[in-house]
Amino acid sequence: MDIRLGGGLTLVLPIEDSSQIGHARRTAQSLAEQSGFDAVDSGRVALVVTELASNILKHASNGELHLRVLNSSPLGIEVIAIDRGAGFDPQDCLVDGFSTRGTQGIGLGSILRQAQVFDVHTDSRGTVLLTRFYPRSSVTRDVRAGFSQHSLYNDPACGDAWEVAISDKQISVLVIDGLGHGPEAEDAAKAGVCAFNRDPFAHPDFMLEELHHDMRGTRGGAVAIAQFDANQNILRFIGIGNIGATLVATDKTRGIASHPGIVGLQYRKIRVTDYPECAGALLILYSDGLQSRWNLRDYPGLIFRHPAVIAAVLHRDYCRGRDDVTVVVIALESADD
């Protein structure tokens, strides 16, 4: 199965009063329709967005919905509800009829039935709830990957970019942080993306040289390339600049080192580093718009949640707020999965 996933800004819808519920519903339904969903499937998305927005107001007073088109085949819609409320017991709240506010208690049970992918992490710091939708007529395998990308000051131009290519048991990932932010940084990142997409499974050494060539004449930027081969159970990584990279397993965390320089301008030639025995781990890549002092073990159980939930939690709690920010989280599955 060949899958290509490309970067794009996360659409953020603030949920702070009841007037925003209708706007969120209409926005999500329109996004689904534009992605080829029929009336029934678009209605499922609209129903869930209404429930999620209502729950945010009822239980946390305010929060956000993060929307994304998953450019898989067929297209999918991702909706993530994020808040900083007191949290809840998911097992209790998924039972129809359970309510903490005197309502009918049909919200989470209804969401679980409507979405093909559902996952949630909740604690005293708040809740992140993931839903993904695909056309009911399609047969789609969900990709165990999550992405969060936001520009500084909601600028339509973003200097960060990411790409993911999956072919059989191989995964190739690119994250770029164009120097600075705004249109010129975005131009640098787009040039690197074009080079990656020509041959995403080329050897990382060769690919980095291709990115360097294509990014000349731009501001340049930081680049990280990671390739996982499940058959060999090995991750190959090469990085220039300040893209953070970490492998997180249940028993240990491994930091992945990048090297100084600016791709497109100047950097010292380096060699690819191999990281064996990675199956079952999470690969987390992030631009420097995210603080580096996070630790998933500060969130009991989070490591076992869907990568999209993890990416959203990290963005919620560790975004610096003074640069573009991108978080990519990918589950490195074994060849037998």
Protein backbone atom coordinates (compact mmCIF):
# COMPACT_ATOMS: atom_id res chain seq x y z
CA MET A 1 0.00 0.00 0.00
CA ASP A 2 1.48 3.34 -1.11
CA ILE A 3 0.41 6.41 0.85
CA ARG A 4 1.56 9.99 0.49
CA LEU A 5 0.70 12.54 3.14
CA GLY A 6 1.60 16.19 2.74
CA GLY A 7 1.93 19.12 5.07
CA GLY A 8 -0.68 21.79 5.53
CA LEU A 9 -1.71 24.18 8.25
CA THR A 10 -4.02 22.86 10.93
CA LEU A 11 -7.35 24.70 10.78
CA VAL A 12 -8.05 25.99 14.28
CA LEU A 13 -11.61 26.86 15.33
CA PRO A 14 -11.88 28.54 18.76
CA ILE A 15 -14.83 27.35 20.85
CA GLU A 16 -15.54 30.02 23.45
CA ASP A 17 -19.30 30.65 23.21
CA SER A 18 -22.36 28.93 21.78
CA SER A 19 -22.43 31.08 18.63
CA GLN A 20 -19.26 29.31 17.44
CA ILE A 21 -20.83 25.85 17.43
CA GLY A 22 -22.81 26.52 14.26
CA HIS A 23 -19.79 28.02 12.53
CA ALA A 24 -17.72 24.97 13.43
CA ARG A 25 -20.42 22.62 12.13
CA ARG A 26 -20.74 24.47 8.83
CA THR A 27 -16.97 24.69 8.36
CA ALA A 28 -16.44 20.98 8.98
CA GLN A 29 -19.34 19.95 6.76
CA SER A 30 -18.08 22.16 3.93
CA LEU A 31 -14.58 20.69 4.32
CA ALA A 32 -16.01 17.17 4.07
CA GLU A 33 -18.08 18.03 1.00
CA GLN A 34 -15.05 19.59 -0.71
CA SER A 35 -13.15 16.36 0.02
CA GLY A 36 -15.71 14.25 -1.85
CA PHE A 37 -17.85 13.07 1.06
CA ASP A 38 -21.48 12.45 0.17
CA ALA A 39 -24.39 13.98 2.10
CA VAL A 40 -24.56 11.14 4.64
CA ASP A 41 -20.83 11.11 5.37
CA SER A 42 -20.66 14.92 5.52
CA GLY A 43 -23.56 14.77 7.97
CA ARG A 44 -21.61 12.40 10.21
CA VAL A 45 -18.77 14.91 10.39
CA ALA A 46 -21.17 17.77 11.11
CA LEU A 47 -22.91 15.81 13.88
CA VAL A 48 -19.67 14.94 15.64
CA VAL A 49 -18.29 18.48 15.40
CA THR A 50 -21.49 19.78 16.98
CA GLU A 51 -21.15 17.27 19.85
CA LEU A 52 -17.47 18.04 20.38
CA ALA A 53 -17.96 21.80 20.41
CA SER A 54 -20.93 21.49 22.77
CA ASN A 55 -18.96 19.25 25.13
CA ILE A 56 -16.10 21.76 25.25
CA LEU A 57 -18.45 24.52 26.36
CA LYS A 58 -20.29 22.31 28.86
CA HIS A 59 -17.30 20.76 30.55
CA ALA A 60 -14.31 23.07 29.96
CA SER A 61 -15.94 26.47 29.20
CA ASN A 62 -13.60 26.97 26.22
CA GLY A 63 -11.20 25.16 23.93
CA GLU A 64 -10.46 24.54 20.25
CA LEU A 65 -11.30 22.23 17.38
CA HIS A 66 -8.41 21.34 15.08
CA LEU A 67 -9.43 20.24 11.58
CA ARG A 68 -7.32 18.65 8.87
CA VAL A 69 -7.90 17.00 5.52
CA LEU A 70 -6.00 13.71 5.39
CA ASN A 71 -4.83 13.54 1.79
CA SER A 72 -4.83 9.76 1.75
CA SER A 73 -6.76 7.81 -0.86
CA PRO A 74 -9.62 8.39 -0.38
CA LEU A 75 -9.43 11.70 1.44
CA GLY A 76 -10.22 11.70 5.13
CA ILE A 77 -11.23 14.34 7.66
CA GLU A 78 -9.58 14.67 11.06
CA VAL A 79 -11.23 16.57 13.91
CA ILE A 80 -9.47 16.97 17.26
CA ALA A 81 -11.13 18.60 20.26
CA ILE A 82 -8.68 20.24 22.68
CA ASP A 83 -9.34 21.86 26.04
CA ARG A 84 -7.77 22.58 29.43
CA GLY A 85 -10.66 21.38 31.55
CA ALA A 86 -10.58 19.07 34.55
CA GLY A 87 -10.66 15.84 32.55
CA PHE A 88 -12.98 12.86 32.94
CA ASP A 89 -13.11 9.05 33.03
CA PRO A 90 -13.42 7.95 29.37
CA GLN A 91 -14.80 4.53 30.27
CA ASP A 92 -17.70 6.05 32.18
CA CYS A 93 -18.44 8.74 29.61
CA LEU A 94 -18.55 6.33 26.66
CA VAL A 95 -21.53 4.53 28.17
CA ASP A 96 -24.80 5.89 26.79
CA GLY A 97 -26.87 7.50 29.53
CA PHE A 98 -23.89 8.65 31.64
CA SER A 99 -23.83 12.40 32.24
CA THR A 100 -22.07 14.74 34.65
CA ARG A 101 -24.31 17.69 33.73
CA GLY A 102 -27.84 16.32 33.80
CA THR A 103 -28.01 15.86 30.00
CA GLN A 104 -29.03 12.70 28.14
CA GLY A 105 -25.42 11.53 28.07
CA ILE A 106 -25.34 10.49 24.41
CA GLY A 107 -22.35 12.61 23.28
CA LEU A 108 -19.26 10.40 23.43
CA GLY A 109 -21.14 7.20 22.61
CA SER A 110 -22.56 8.86 19.52
CA ILE A 111 -19.12 10.15 18.50
CA LEU A 112 -17.61 6.67 18.87
CA ARG A 113 -20.25 5.20 16.56
CA GLN A 114 -19.94 7.89 13.88
CA ALA A 115 -16.14 8.12 13.52
CA GLN A 116 -13.97 5.36 12.05
CA VAL A 117 -11.08 6.39 14.31
CA PHE A 118 -11.59 7.51 17.91
CA ASP A 119 -9.10 8.04 20.71
CA VAL A 120 -8.80 10.28 23.75
CA HIS A 121 -6.31 11.35 26.39
CA THR A 122 -7.62 13.17 29.42
CA ASP A 123 -6.14 14.22 32.75
CA SER A 124 -6.15 17.21 35.09
CA ARG A 125 -4.42 19.32 32.43
CA GLY A 126 -7.24 18.89 29.94
CA THR A 127 -8.54 16.63 27.20
CA VAL A 128 -7.52 15.85 23.63
CA LEU A 129 -10.11 13.81 21.72
CA LEU A 130 -9.41 12.52 18.21
CA THR A 131 -11.90 11.56 15.49
CA ARG A 132 -11.16 10.61 11.90
CA PHE A 133 -13.68 10.06 9.13
CA TYR A 134 -13.50 8.34 5.76
CA PRO A 135 -16.29 7.68 3.25
CA ARG A 136 -18.31 4.67 4.43
CA SER A 137 -18.13 3.18 0.93
CA SER A 138 -14.32 3.00 1.04
CA VAL A 139 -11.96 0.49 2.60
CA THR A 140 -9.30 2.54 4.33
CA ARG A 141 -6.57 1.57 6.75
CA ASP A 142 -5.89 4.37 9.19
CA VAL A 143 -2.30 5.62 9.25
CA ARG A 144 -0.78 5.58 12.73
CA ALA A 145 0.63 9.07 12.38
CA GLY A 146 -0.27 12.50 13.68
CA PHE A 147 0.51 16.02 12.53
CA SER A 148 0.10 19.49 13.99
CA GLN A 149 1.26 22.53 12.01
CA HIS A 150 0.64 26.18 12.88
CA SER A 151 2.05 29.43 11.55
CA LEU A 152 3.11 32.39 13.66
CA TYR A 153 0.23 34.84 14.23
CA ASN A 154 -1.99 32.68 11.97
CA ASP A 155 -0.08 33.91 8.91
CA PRO A 156 -1.33 32.11 5.77
CA ALA A 157 2.33 31.55 4.87
CA CYS A 158 4.17 28.97 6.97
CA GLY A 159 7.91 28.36 6.86
CA ASP A 160 7.53 24.80 8.17
CA ALA A 161 6.74 21.83 5.95
CA TRP A 162 6.41 18.08 6.37
CA GLU A 163 5.90 15.12 4.06
CA VAL A 164 5.37 11.41 4.73
CA ALA A 165 5.62 8.60 2.18
CA ILE A 166 4.66 5.01 3.02
CA SER A 167 5.33 2.07 0.73
CA ASP A 168 4.73 -1.46 1.97
CA LYS A 169 6.95 -1.73 5.05
CA GLN A 170 8.93 1.47 4.50
CA ILE A 171 8.30 4.99 5.79
CA SER A 172 10.11 8.14 4.69
CA VAL A 173 9.58 11.39 6.56
CA LEU A 174 10.72 14.95 5.86
CA VAL A 175 10.44 17.98 8.16
CA ILE A 176 11.73 21.40 7.08
CA ASP A 177 11.89 24.68 8.99
CA GLY A 178 12.58 27.50 6.54
CA LEU A 179 14.77 30.22 8.02
CA GLY A 180 12.60 32.78 9.79
CA HIS A 181 8.91 32.81 8.97
CA GLY A 182 6.53 34.24 6.38
CA PRO A 183 6.48 33.89 2.55
CA GLU A 184 10.26 33.69 2.05
CA ALA A 185 10.60 30.94 4.64
CA GLU A 186 7.69 29.15 2.99
CA ASP A 187 9.41 29.37 -0.41
CA ALA A 188 12.49 27.69 1.05
CA ALA A 189 10.42 24.89 2.58
CA LYS A 190 8.45 24.33 -0.63
CA ALA A 191 11.67 23.98 -2.62
CA GLY A 192 12.83 21.23 -0.27
CA VAL A 193 9.47 19.46 -0.45
CA CYS A 194 9.69 19.35 -4.25
CA ALA A 195 13.09 17.67 -4.04
CA PHE A 196 11.82 15.11 -1.51
CA ASN A 197 8.77 14.23 -3.58
CA ARG A 198 10.82 13.38 -6.66
CA ASP A 199 12.07 10.24 -4.92
CA PRO A 200 11.08 9.99 -1.24
CA PHE A 201 12.82 6.64 -0.76
CA ALA A 202 16.18 7.69 -2.16
CA HIS A 203 19.09 7.24 0.23
CA PRO A 204 19.04 10.08 2.80
CA ASP A 205 22.60 11.14 1.84
CA PHE A 206 21.55 11.67 -1.76
CA MET A 207 18.23 13.24 -0.79
CA LEU A 208 19.90 15.83 1.44
CA GLU A 209 22.15 16.86 -1.44
CA GLU A 210 19.10 17.20 -3.68
CA LEU A 211 17.35 19.38 -1.11
CA HIS A 212 20.47 21.50 -0.73
CA HIS A 213 20.60 22.02 -4.51
CA ASP A 214 16.90 22.91 -4.81
CA MET A 215 16.92 25.22 -1.79
CA ARG A 216 19.81 27.33 -3.09
CA GLY A 217 18.65 30.84 -3.86
CA THR A 218 16.16 30.70 -0.98
CA ARG A 219 16.70 31.54 2.66
CA GLY A 220 17.49 27.88 3.30
CA GLY A 221 16.44 26.07 6.40
CA ALA A 222 16.74 23.23 8.86
CA VAL A 223 16.03 19.75 7.50
CA ALA A 224 15.43 16.32 9.01
CA ILE A 225 15.03 13.13 6.95
CA ALA A 226 14.05 9.86 8.64
CA GLN A 227 13.50 6.52 6.92
CA PHE A 228 12.22 3.42 8.67
CA ASP A 229 12.47 -0.07 7.17
CA ALA A 230 10.27 -2.48 9.12
CA ASN A 231 11.78 -5.54 7.43
CA GLN A 232 15.25 -4.59 8.69
CA ASN A 233 13.87 -2.95 11.87
CA ILE A 234 16.12 0.06 11.42
CA LEU A 235 15.70 3.83 11.29
CA ARG A 236 18.07 5.94 9.20
CA PHE A 237 18.30 9.62 10.06
CA ILE A 238 20.12 12.68 8.82
CA GLY A 239 19.49 16.17 10.10
CA ILE A 240 20.87 19.67 9.59
CA GLY A 241 19.78 22.49 11.86
CA ASN A 242 17.35 22.61 14.75
CA ILE A 243 14.69 20.05 13.91
CA GLY A 244 14.16 18.05 17.10
CA ALA A 245 13.96 14.26 16.82
CA THR A 246 13.24 11.62 19.45
CA LEU A 247 12.51 7.90 19.55
CA VAL A 248 10.16 7.00 22.40
CA ALA A 249 9.63 3.36 23.40
CA THR A 250 7.89 1.94 26.44
CA ASP A 251 11.22 1.21 28.12
CA LYS A 252 13.47 4.03 26.95
CA THR A 253 13.77 7.32 25.07
CA ARG A 254 16.51 7.99 22.54
CA GLY A 255 17.39 11.49 21.42
CA ILE A 256 18.43 11.81 17.77
CA ALA A 257 21.16 14.31 16.98
CA SER A 258 21.17 16.82 14.14
CA HIS A 259 24.20 18.82 13.00
CA PRO A 260 24.84 22.55 12.57
CA GLY A 261 24.24 24.27 9.25
CA ILE A 262 21.61 25.61 6.89
CA VAL A 263 20.46 23.49 3.96
CA GLY A 264 20.49 25.63 0.82
CA LEU A 265 23.32 27.78 2.18
CA GLN A 266 26.11 25.90 3.92
CA TYR A 267 26.62 22.83 6.06
CA ARG A 268 29.37 20.31 6.72
CA LYS A 269 28.89 16.97 4.96
CA ILE A 270 27.75 14.34 7.44
CA ARG A 271 26.82 10.69 7.37
CA VAL A 272 23.49 9.04 7.96
CA THR A 273 23.05 7.57 11.46
CA ASP A 274 21.36 4.19 11.87
CA TYR A 275 19.14 3.41 14.86
CA PRO A 276 18.41 -0.35 15.08
CA GLU A 277 15.59 -2.12 16.92
CA CYS A 278 13.04 0.67 16.53
CA ALA A 279 9.87 -1.31 15.84
CA GLY A 280 7.19 -0.46 18.37
CA ALA A 281 8.65 2.98 19.12
CA LEU A 282 7.27 6.41 18.35
CA LEU A 283 9.26 8.72 16.09
CA ILE A 284 8.63 12.35 17.05
CA LEU A 285 9.95 15.19 14.88
CA TYR A 286 9.35 18.86 15.64
CA SER A 287 10.47 22.31 14.56
CA ASP A 288 11.90 24.76 17.08
CA GLY A 289 8.53 26.41 17.53
CA LEU A 290 8.02 23.61 20.08
CA GLN A 291 9.90 23.57 23.35
CA SER A 292 12.25 20.61 23.76
CA ARG A 293 11.76 20.01 27.49
CA TRP A 294 8.70 17.75 27.17
CA ASN A 295 8.62 14.18 28.42
CA LEU A 296 5.79 11.82 27.45
CA ARG A 297 6.22 9.98 30.73
CA ASP A 298 4.83 13.05 32.49
CA TYR A 299 1.51 12.00 30.92
CA PRO A 300 0.62 8.49 32.16
CA GLY A 301 -0.78 6.40 29.33
CA LEU A 302 -0.16 8.98 26.59
CA ILE A 303 2.51 6.88 24.90
CA PHE A 304 -0.18 4.29 24.07
CA ARG A 305 -2.58 6.79 22.48
CA HIS A 306 -2.94 7.50 18.77
CA PRO A 307 -0.01 9.56 17.41
CA ALA A 308 -2.44 12.34 16.41
CA VAL A 309 -3.46 12.70 20.07
CA ILE A 310 0.20 12.85 21.12
CA ALA A 311 1.00 15.55 18.54
CA ALA A 312 -1.95 17.65 19.73
CA VAL A 313 -1.00 17.31 23.42
CA LEU A 314 2.58 18.37 22.72
CA HIS A 315 1.44 21.38 20.71
CA ARG A 316 -1.10 22.38 23.37
CA ASP A 317 1.39 22.29 26.25
CA TYR A 318 4.75 23.17 24.66
CA CYS A 319 4.17 25.58 21.78
CA ARG A 320 6.53 28.55 22.22
CA GLY A 321 4.15 30.96 20.53
CA ARG A 322 6.89 32.93 18.79
CA ASP A 323 7.55 30.92 15.62
CA ASP A 324 5.92 28.54 13.18
CA VAL A 325 5.53 25.14 14.81
CA THR A 326 5.23 21.62 13.43
CA VAL A 327 4.93 18.31 15.28
CA VAL A 328 4.99 14.94 13.48
CA VAL A 329 4.45 11.71 15.44
CA ILE A 330 4.66 8.33 13.71
CA ALA A 331 4.26 4.84 15.18
CA LEU A 332 7.02 2.61 13.79
CA GLU A 333 5.21 -0.67 13.42
CA SER A 334 6.91 -4.04 13.09
CA ALA A 335 6.91 -5.99 9.84
CA ASP A 336 4.32 -8.37 11.32
CA ASP A 337 1.74 -5.62 12.06
